C-alpha atoms as a PDB file:
ATOM      1  CA  MET A   1       9.332 -17.473  -8.446  1.00  0.00           C
ATOM      2  CA  SER A   2      12.900 -17.902  -9.818  1.00  0.00           C
ATOM      3  CA  LYS A   3      15.692 -15.584  -7.477  1.00  0.00           C
ATOM      4  CA  ARG A   4      17.676 -16.364 -11.534  1.00  0.00           C
ATOM      5  CA  LYS A   5      17.005 -13.640 -13.911  1.00  0.00           C
ATOM      6  CA  SER A   6      18.193 -14.702 -17.933  1.00  0.00           C
ATOM      7  CA  PHE A   7      18.800 -12.009 -20.204  1.00  0.00           C
ATOM      8  CA  ASP A   8      19.593 -11.850 -23.951  1.00  0.00           C
ATOM      9  CA  VAL A   9      21.049  -8.823 -25.926  1.00  0.00           C
ATOM     10  CA  GLU A  10      19.657  -8.109 -29.698  1.00  0.00           C
ATOM     11  CA  GLY A  11      21.950  -9.575 -32.138  1.00  0.00           C
ATOM     12  CA  LEU A  12      24.042 -12.184 -29.570  1.00  0.00           C
ATOM     13  CA  GLY A  13      21.022 -13.999 -29.964  1.00  0.00           C
ATOM     14  CA  HIS A  14      21.623 -17.801 -29.486  1.00  0.00           C
ATOM     15  CA  ALA A  15      19.732 -20.920 -31.800  1.00  0.00           C
ATOM     16  CA  ASN A  16      18.953 -22.809 -29.021  1.00  0.00           C
ATOM     17  CA  PRO A  17      16.269 -21.497 -25.340  1.00  0.00           C
ATOM     18  CA  ILE A  18      20.315 -19.500 -24.277  1.00  0.00           C
ATOM     19  CA  PRO A  19      20.393 -16.908 -22.718  1.00  0.00           C
ATOM     20  CA  ALA A  20      23.828 -14.348 -23.077  1.00  0.00           C
ATOM     21  CA  VAL A  21      23.954 -14.240 -19.836  1.00  0.00           C
ATOM     22  CA  SER A  22      22.171 -14.558 -16.433  1.00  0.00           C
ATOM     23  CA  ARG A  23      22.047 -13.199 -13.165  1.00  0.00           C
ATOM     24  CA  ILE A  24      21.537 -14.607  -9.375  1.00  0.00           C
ATOM     25  CA  GLY A  25      21.705 -11.751  -7.182  1.00  0.00           C
ATOM     26  CA  ASN A  26      24.890  -9.345  -7.206  1.00  0.00           C
ATOM     27  CA  ILE A  27      27.005 -12.559  -9.522  1.00  0.00           C
ATOM     28  CA  VAL A  28      26.389 -12.795 -13.268  1.00  0.00           C
ATOM     29  CA  ALA A  29      27.685 -15.762 -15.733  1.00  0.00           C
ATOM     30  CA  THR A  30      28.033 -15.149 -19.179  1.00  0.00           C
ATOM     31  CA  GLY A  31      27.356 -17.502 -21.561  1.00  0.00           C
ATOM     32  CA  GLY A  32      29.727 -18.162 -24.285  1.00  0.00           C
ATOM     33  CA  VAL A  33      30.719 -15.009 -25.979  1.00  0.00           C
ATOM     34  CA  SER A  34      31.862 -15.190 -29.832  1.00  0.00           C
ATOM     35  CA  GLY A  35      33.556 -12.652 -32.221  1.00  0.00           C
ATOM     36  CA  MET A  36      30.564 -12.402 -33.866  1.00  0.00           C
ATOM     37  CA  ASP A  37      28.965  -8.684 -35.959  1.00  0.00           C
ATOM     38  CA  THR A  38      26.015  -8.274 -34.226  1.00  0.00           C
ATOM     39  CA  ARG A  39      25.705  -5.454 -37.609  1.00  0.00           C
ATOM     40  CA  THR A  40      25.698  -9.027 -40.006  1.00  0.00           C
ATOM     41  CA  GLY A  41      25.599 -11.412 -37.911  1.00  0.00           C
ATOM     42  CA  LYS A  42      28.644 -13.003 -39.278  1.00  0.00           C
ATOM     43  CA  ILE A  43      32.146 -14.506 -37.521  1.00  0.00           C
ATOM     44  CA  PRO A  44      34.765 -12.485 -39.681  1.00  0.00           C
ATOM     45  CA  GLU A  45      37.743 -14.122 -41.641  1.00  0.00           C
ATOM     46  CA  ASP A  46      40.008 -12.323 -39.320  1.00  0.00           C
ATOM     47  CA  THR A  47      40.982 -13.407 -35.969  1.00  0.00           C
ATOM     48  CA  ALA A  48      42.482 -10.128 -35.035  1.00  0.00           C
ATOM     49  CA  ALA A  49      38.780  -8.147 -35.383  1.00  0.00           C
ATOM     50  CA  GLN A  50      37.237 -11.510 -33.764  1.00  0.00           C
ATOM     51  CA  CYS A  51      38.839 -10.699 -30.738  1.00  0.00           C
ATOM     52  CA  ALA A  52      38.353  -6.976 -30.763  1.00  0.00           C
ATOM     53  CA  LEU A  53      33.945  -8.056 -31.116  1.00  0.00           C
ATOM     54  CA  MET A  54      34.208 -10.952 -28.486  1.00  0.00           C
ATOM     55  CA  PHE A  55      35.474  -8.212 -25.860  1.00  0.00           C
ATOM     56  CA  ALA A  56      32.827  -5.808 -27.173  1.00  0.00           C
ATOM     57  CA  ASN A  57      30.333  -8.001 -27.190  1.00  0.00           C
ATOM     58  CA  LEU A  58      31.422  -9.492 -23.966  1.00  0.00           C
ATOM     59  CA  ARG A  59      30.764  -5.318 -22.461  1.00  0.00           C
ATOM     60  CA  GLN A  60      27.382  -5.611 -24.012  1.00  0.00           C
ATOM     61  CA  ILE A  61      26.314  -8.792 -22.311  1.00  0.00           C
ATOM     62  CA  LEU A  62      28.101  -7.977 -19.114  1.00  0.00           C
ATOM     63  CA  ALA A  63      25.535  -4.903 -19.516  1.00  0.00           C
ATOM     64  CA  ALA A  64      22.560  -5.876 -19.942  1.00  0.00           C
ATOM     65  CA  ALA A  65      22.446  -7.221 -16.115  1.00  0.00           C
ATOM     66  CA  GLY A  66      23.960  -4.448 -15.376  1.00  0.00           C
ATOM     67  CA  ALA A  67      27.419  -5.364 -15.069  1.00  0.00           C
ATOM     68  CA  THR A  68      30.627  -4.294 -16.334  1.00  0.00           C
ATOM     69  CA  PRO A  69      33.990  -5.029 -16.436  1.00  0.00           C
ATOM     70  CA  ASP A  70      34.982  -3.660 -13.264  1.00  0.00           C
ATOM     71  CA  ASP A  71      32.770  -6.423 -11.530  1.00  0.00           C
ATOM     72  CA  VAL A  72      34.420  -9.297 -14.082  1.00  0.00           C
ATOM     73  CA  ILE A  73      36.495 -12.223 -11.547  1.00  0.00           C
ATOM     74  CA  ARG A  74      37.236 -14.339 -14.367  1.00  0.00           C
ATOM     75  CA  VAL A  75      37.168 -14.451 -17.567  1.00  0.00           C
ATOM     76  CA  THR A  76      37.693 -18.543 -19.746  1.00  0.00           C
ATOM     77  CA  VAL A  77      39.092 -18.164 -22.858  1.00  0.00           C
ATOM     78  CA  TRP A  78      39.238 -20.781 -25.654  1.00  0.00           C
ATOM     79  CA  ILE A  79      41.645 -19.800 -28.962  1.00  0.00           C
ATOM     80  CA  LYS A  80      42.152 -21.977 -32.050  1.00  0.00           C
ATOM     81  CA  ARG A  81      45.732 -20.746 -32.522  1.00  0.00           C
ATOM     82  CA  PRO A  82      48.583 -20.478 -30.114  1.00  0.00           C
ATOM     83  CA  GLU A  83      49.585 -17.032 -31.867  1.00  0.00           C
ATOM     84  CA  ILE A  84      45.653 -15.894 -31.247  1.00  0.00           C
ATOM     85  CA  ARG A  85      46.891 -14.926 -28.341  1.00  0.00           C
ATOM     86  CA  ALA A  86      48.611 -12.238 -28.477  1.00  0.00           C
ATOM     87  CA  GLU A  87      45.587 -10.432 -29.927  1.00  0.00           C
ATOM     88  CA  VAL A  88      43.268 -11.376 -27.232  1.00  0.00           C
ATOM     89  CA  ASN A  89      45.391 -10.289 -24.882  1.00  0.00           C
ATOM     90  CA  LYS A  90      45.748  -6.699 -27.286  1.00  0.00           C
ATOM     91  CA  GLU A  91      42.133  -6.509 -26.697  1.00  0.00           C
ATOM     92  CA  TRP A  92      42.129  -7.658 -22.637  1.00  0.00           C
ATOM     93  CA  VAL A  93      44.315  -4.715 -21.520  1.00  0.00           C
ATOM     94  CA  VAL A  94      42.325  -2.564 -23.337  1.00  0.00           C
ATOM     95  CA  MET A  95      39.619  -3.842 -21.166  1.00  0.00           C
ATOM     96  CA  PHE A  96      41.513  -4.639 -18.098  1.00  0.00           C
ATOM     97  CA  PRO A  97      43.655  -1.492 -18.184  1.00  0.00           C
ATOM     98  CA  GLU A  98      44.690  -1.957 -14.782  1.00  0.00           C
ATOM     99  CA  PRO A  99      47.421  -4.135 -14.411  1.00  0.00           C
ATOM    100  CA  ASP A 100      46.577  -4.564 -10.484  1.00  0.00           C
ATOM    101  CA  SER A 101      42.968  -5.049 -10.712  1.00  0.00           C
ATOM    102  CA  ARG A 102      42.907  -7.289 -13.905  1.00  0.00           C
ATOM    103  CA  PRO A 103      39.762 -10.558 -13.664  1.00  0.00           C
ATOM    104  CA  ALA A 104      41.814 -13.799 -13.750  1.00  0.00           C
ATOM    105  CA  ARG A 105      42.245 -15.971 -17.630  1.00  0.00           C
ATOM    106  CA  HIS A 106      42.406 -18.959 -18.190  1.00  0.00           C
ATOM    107  CA  THR A 107      43.294 -19.382 -22.009  1.00  0.00           C
ATOM    108  CA  MET A 108      42.629 -22.867 -24.069  1.00  0.00           C
ATOM    109  CA  PHE A 109      43.606 -24.265 -27.030  1.00  0.00           C
ATOM    110  CA  TYR A 110      40.459 -26.252 -28.949  1.00  0.00           C
ATOM    111  CA  ASP A 111      40.632 -26.644 -32.242  1.00  0.00           C
ATOM    112  CA  HIS A 112      36.813 -27.803 -32.779  1.00  0.00           C
ATOM    113  CA  PHE A 113      35.082 -24.197 -33.350  1.00  0.00           C
ATOM    114  CA  ALA A 114      32.386 -24.259 -36.643  1.00  0.00           C
ATOM    115  CA  GLY A 115      32.827 -21.744 -39.578  1.00  0.00           C
ATOM    116  CA  ALA A 116      35.411 -19.170 -39.017  1.00  0.00           C
ATOM    117  CA  MET A 117      35.100 -18.875 -35.531  1.00  0.00           C
ATOM    118  CA  ALA A 118      38.337 -19.007 -34.081  1.00  0.00           C
ATOM    119  CA  VAL A 119      38.045 -17.120 -30.166  1.00  0.00           C
ATOM    120  CA  GLN A 120      35.388 -17.683 -27.932  1.00  0.00           C
ATOM    121  CA  CYS A 121      35.104 -16.806 -24.151  1.00  0.00           C
ATOM    122  CA  GLU A 122      32.759 -16.541 -21.490  1.00  0.00           C
ATOM    123  CA  ALA A 123      33.399 -14.830 -17.897  1.00  0.00           C
ATOM    124  CA  TRP A 124      31.938 -14.621 -14.210  1.00  0.00           C
ATOM    125  CA  ALA A 125      30.824 -10.936 -12.607  1.00  0.00           C
ATOM    126  CA  VAL A 126      30.075  -9.995  -9.393  1.00  0.00           C
ATOM    127  CA  ILE A 127      28.077  -7.149  -8.971  1.00  0.00           C
ATOM    128  CA  GLY A 128      29.458  -3.898  -6.488  1.00  0.00           C
ATOM    129  CA  GLY A 129      31.465  -6.568  -4.741  1.00  0.00           C
ATOM    130  CA  GLY A 130      33.814  -3.827  -2.915  1.00  0.00           C
ATOM    131  CA  ALA A 131      37.527  -3.720  -2.756  1.00  0.00           C
ATOM    132  CA  ALA A 132      39.496  -7.090  -1.990  1.00  0.00           C
END
């Protein structure tokens, strides 16, 4: 029996056999998290809306594996255009409001997104990791 457990979130499934998030012990790793609207199954054209939805989706995906934003240790974000960074930052401080308790983050430019997608992230979390 595998130590690894995979989780999916309704409305955030992949067309391929890839889970939204996977967990081994207290370590959690997400797949790519987009700004898809789970009610419509579509990615909005508006990049600010995509950023807000991306972080809302990340929260749901973490919860499926038993994690919260407080457990997140690192986030990688891909953006299509430089100006999207400000929109990511706006939602970043909403999800991680404490300046002295934010995960590490790396933001990279990627211009090969399909359709309207302009931002995507992935995250690593350690559940119950204790104080630094």
